[in-house]
Amino acid sequence: MDTILKWFNWGVKSTDEVVFEEKIAELNSRMRRVNEEIDIELKRRECEGFSAYISMQKENLVETKEDHWLIG
């Protein structure tokens, strides 16, 4: 009988636990969204930084019209 009560208690969750788990799930969802936005921003900055680096590199290498055609 004791085992049956343990199984019953294990299978039934109190309302406090459900609310707490929902709040954790909501928090995880918000954190995931924020992390995705941060990743997008970092990738954008990385691309801008890389293109600026390439652009500066080209400017420093180009001294004549021939250099411009060679470098692209």
N, C-alpha and C. Protein backbone atom coordinates (compact mmCIF):
# COMPACT_ATOMS: atom_id res chain seq x y z
N MET A 1 0.82 -1.20 0.00
CA MET A 1 0.00 0.00 0.00
C MET A 1 0.86 1.26 0.00
N ASP A 2 1.93 1.22 0.75
CA ASP A 2 2.84 2.37 0.81
C ASP A 2 3.44 2.66 -0.56
N THR A 3 3.80 1.62 -1.29
CA THR A 3 4.37 1.79 -2.62
C THR A 3 3.37 2.42 -3.58
N ILE A 4 2.12 2.02 -3.48
CA ILE A 4 1.07 2.58 -4.34
C ILE A 4 0.91 4.07 -4.06
N LEU A 5 0.95 4.47 -2.80
CA LEU A 5 0.84 5.89 -2.45
C LEU A 5 2.04 6.67 -2.99
N LYS A 6 3.23 6.09 -2.93
CA LYS A 6 4.41 6.76 -3.47
C LYS A 6 4.27 6.95 -4.98
N TRP A 7 3.78 5.94 -5.68
CA TRP A 7 3.58 6.05 -7.13
C TRP A 7 2.56 7.14 -7.45
N PHE A 8 1.49 7.16 -6.64
CA PHE A 8 0.45 8.17 -6.86
C PHE A 8 1.02 9.57 -6.65
N ASN A 9 1.73 9.76 -5.56
CA ASN A 9 2.33 11.07 -5.26
C ASN A 9 3.37 11.45 -6.31
N TRP A 10 4.08 10.47 -6.83
CA TRP A 10 5.10 10.74 -7.85
C TRP A 10 4.44 11.16 -9.16
N GLY A 11 3.28 10.56 -9.47
CA GLY A 11 2.60 10.85 -10.74
C GLY A 11 1.80 12.14 -10.72
N VAL A 12 1.41 12.62 -9.56
CA VAL A 12 0.59 13.83 -9.44
C VAL A 12 1.49 14.96 -8.97
N LYS A 13 1.46 16.05 -9.73
CA LYS A 13 2.28 17.21 -9.35
C LYS A 13 1.39 18.26 -8.70
N SER A 14 1.94 18.93 -7.73
CA SER A 14 1.18 20.01 -7.12
C SER A 14 1.16 21.20 -8.07
N THR A 15 0.20 22.10 -7.85
CA THR A 15 0.07 23.26 -8.74
C THR A 15 1.28 24.19 -8.61
N ASP A 16 1.89 24.24 -7.43
CA ASP A 16 3.07 25.09 -7.24
C ASP A 16 4.22 24.63 -8.13
N GLU A 17 4.42 23.34 -8.22
CA GLU A 17 5.50 22.80 -9.05
C GLU A 17 5.25 23.10 -10.52
N VAL A 18 4.01 22.98 -10.96
CA VAL A 18 3.67 23.23 -12.36
C VAL A 18 3.95 24.69 -12.71
N VAL A 19 3.52 25.59 -11.86
CA VAL A 19 3.75 27.02 -12.10
C VAL A 19 5.25 27.29 -12.14
N PHE A 20 5.98 26.72 -11.22
CA PHE A 20 7.42 26.91 -11.16
C PHE A 20 8.08 26.38 -12.43
N GLU A 21 7.67 25.20 -12.88
CA GLU A 21 8.24 24.62 -14.10
C GLU A 21 7.89 25.46 -15.32
N GLU A 22 6.67 26.01 -15.35
CA GLU A 22 6.27 26.87 -16.46
C GLU A 22 7.12 28.14 -16.48
N LYS A 23 7.39 28.68 -15.30
CA LYS A 23 8.22 29.89 -15.22
C LYS A 23 9.64 29.60 -15.68
N ILE A 24 10.16 28.44 -15.32
CA ILE A 24 11.50 28.05 -15.77
C ILE A 24 11.51 27.90 -17.29
N ALA A 25 10.48 27.27 -17.83
CA ALA A 25 10.40 27.10 -19.29
C ALA A 25 10.31 28.46 -19.98
N GLU A 26 9.53 29.37 -19.42
CA GLU A 26 9.40 30.71 -20.00
C GLU A 26 10.74 31.44 -19.93
N LEU A 27 11.42 31.33 -18.81
CA LEU A 27 12.73 31.97 -18.66
C LEU A 27 13.73 31.40 -19.65
N ASN A 28 13.74 30.09 -19.82
CA ASN A 28 14.64 29.46 -20.79
C ASN A 28 14.33 29.93 -22.21
N SER A 29 13.05 30.07 -22.51
CA SER A 29 12.65 30.55 -23.83
C SER A 29 13.13 31.98 -24.05
N ARG A 30 12.96 32.84 -23.06
CA ARG A 30 13.42 34.23 -23.18
C ARG A 30 14.93 34.29 -23.31
N MET A 31 15.64 33.47 -22.54
CA MET A 31 17.11 33.45 -22.62
C MET A 31 17.55 32.98 -24.00
N ARG A 32 16.88 31.99 -24.56
CA ARG A 32 17.21 31.48 -25.89
C ARG A 32 17.01 32.58 -26.93
N ARG A 33 15.89 33.32 -26.82
CA ARG A 33 15.62 34.42 -27.76
C ARG A 33 16.69 35.50 -27.66
N VAL A 34 17.05 35.88 -26.44
CA VAL A 34 18.07 36.90 -26.24
C VAL A 34 19.41 36.43 -26.80
N ASN A 35 19.76 35.18 -26.55
CA ASN A 35 21.02 34.65 -27.07
C ASN A 35 21.03 34.64 -28.59
N GLU A 36 19.89 34.30 -29.21
CA GLU A 36 19.81 34.31 -30.67
C GLU A 36 19.99 35.72 -31.21
N GLU A 37 19.38 36.72 -30.54
CA GLU A 37 19.54 38.11 -30.96
C GLU A 37 20.99 38.56 -30.82
N ILE A 38 21.63 38.16 -29.73
CA ILE A 38 23.03 38.51 -29.51
C ILE A 38 23.90 37.86 -30.58
N ASP A 39 23.64 36.60 -30.90
CA ASP A 39 24.40 35.90 -31.94
C ASP A 39 24.26 36.60 -33.28
N ILE A 40 23.04 37.01 -33.62
CA ILE A 40 22.82 37.72 -34.89
C ILE A 40 23.60 39.02 -34.91
N GLU A 41 23.55 39.76 -33.81
CA GLU A 41 24.28 41.03 -33.73
C GLU A 41 25.78 40.81 -33.84
N LEU A 42 26.30 39.80 -33.14
CA LEU A 42 27.73 39.52 -33.21
C LEU A 42 28.16 39.10 -34.61
N LYS A 43 27.35 38.28 -35.26
CA LYS A 43 27.67 37.86 -36.63
C LYS A 43 27.66 39.06 -37.57
N ARG A 44 26.69 39.96 -37.38
CA ARG A 44 26.62 41.16 -38.22
C ARG A 44 27.87 42.01 -38.01
N ARG A 45 28.25 42.22 -36.76
CA ARG A 45 29.45 43.01 -36.47
C ARG A 45 30.70 42.33 -37.00
N GLU A 46 30.74 41.01 -36.88
CA GLU A 46 31.89 40.26 -37.39
C GLU A 46 32.01 40.43 -38.90
N CYS A 47 30.89 40.34 -39.60
CA CYS A 47 30.90 40.52 -41.06
C CYS A 47 31.32 41.93 -41.42
N GLU A 48 30.77 42.92 -40.69
CA GLU A 48 31.15 44.30 -40.96
C GLU A 48 32.64 44.50 -40.69
N GLY A 49 33.11 43.94 -39.59
CA GLY A 49 34.53 44.07 -39.25
C GLY A 49 35.41 43.41 -40.29
N PHE A 50 35.01 42.24 -40.75
CA PHE A 50 35.80 41.52 -41.74
C PHE A 50 35.80 42.27 -43.06
N SER A 51 34.64 42.77 -43.49
CA SER A 51 34.59 43.51 -44.76
C SER A 51 35.37 44.81 -44.65
N ALA A 52 35.33 45.46 -43.49
CA ALA A 52 36.12 46.68 -43.30
C ALA A 52 37.61 46.35 -43.35
N TYR A 53 37.98 45.23 -42.76
CA TYR A 53 39.38 44.80 -42.78
C TYR A 53 39.84 44.54 -44.21
N ILE A 54 39.02 43.82 -44.98
CA ILE A 54 39.36 43.53 -46.38
C ILE A 54 39.44 44.83 -47.18
N SER A 55 38.50 45.72 -46.95
CA SER A 55 38.49 47.00 -47.65
C SER A 55 39.75 47.80 -47.34
N MET A 56 40.14 47.87 -46.07
CA MET A 56 41.37 48.59 -45.70
C MET A 56 42.58 47.91 -46.30
N GLN A 57 42.57 46.59 -46.29
CA GLN A 57 43.68 45.84 -46.85
C GLN A 57 43.83 46.16 -48.34
N LYS A 58 42.71 46.19 -49.05
CA LYS A 58 42.74 46.50 -50.48
C LYS A 58 43.24 47.92 -50.70
N GLU A 59 42.77 48.87 -49.89
CA GLU A 59 43.20 50.25 -50.04
C GLU A 59 44.71 50.37 -49.83
N ASN A 60 45.24 49.64 -48.88
CA ASN A 60 46.67 49.70 -48.61
C ASN A 60 47.48 49.03 -49.71
N LEU A 61 46.92 48.02 -50.36
CA LEU A 61 47.65 47.30 -51.39
C LEU A 61 47.58 47.99 -52.75
N VAL A 62 46.49 48.72 -52.99
CA VAL A 62 46.29 49.33 -54.31
C VAL A 62 47.09 50.62 -54.40
N GLU A 63 48.07 50.62 -55.30
CA GLU A 63 48.85 51.83 -55.54
C GLU A 63 48.74 52.28 -56.98
N THR A 64 48.44 51.36 -57.88
CA THR A 64 48.30 51.69 -59.30
C THR A 64 47.03 51.06 -59.85
N LYS A 65 46.68 51.42 -61.10
CA LYS A 65 45.50 50.82 -61.73
C LYS A 65 45.68 49.31 -61.89
N GLU A 66 46.90 48.89 -62.18
CA GLU A 66 47.16 47.46 -62.33
C GLU A 66 46.91 46.72 -61.02
N ASP A 67 47.33 47.34 -59.91
CA ASP A 67 47.08 46.73 -58.60
C ASP A 67 45.58 46.57 -58.36
N HIS A 68 44.83 47.59 -58.76
CA HIS A 68 43.38 47.55 -58.56
C HIS A 68 42.78 46.36 -59.32
N TRP A 69 43.21 46.14 -60.54
CA TRP A 69 42.70 45.03 -61.33
C TRP A 69 43.15 43.68 -60.78
N LEU A 70 44.37 43.63 -60.27
CA LEU A 70 44.88 42.37 -59.73
C LEU A 70 44.16 41.98 -58.43
N ILE A 71 43.93 42.96 -57.59
CA ILE A 71 43.34 42.67 -56.28
C ILE A 71 41.83 42.51 -56.38
N GLY A 72 41.20 43.24 -57.27
CA GLY A 72 39.75 43.09 -57.47
C GLY A 72 39.05 44.10 -56.70
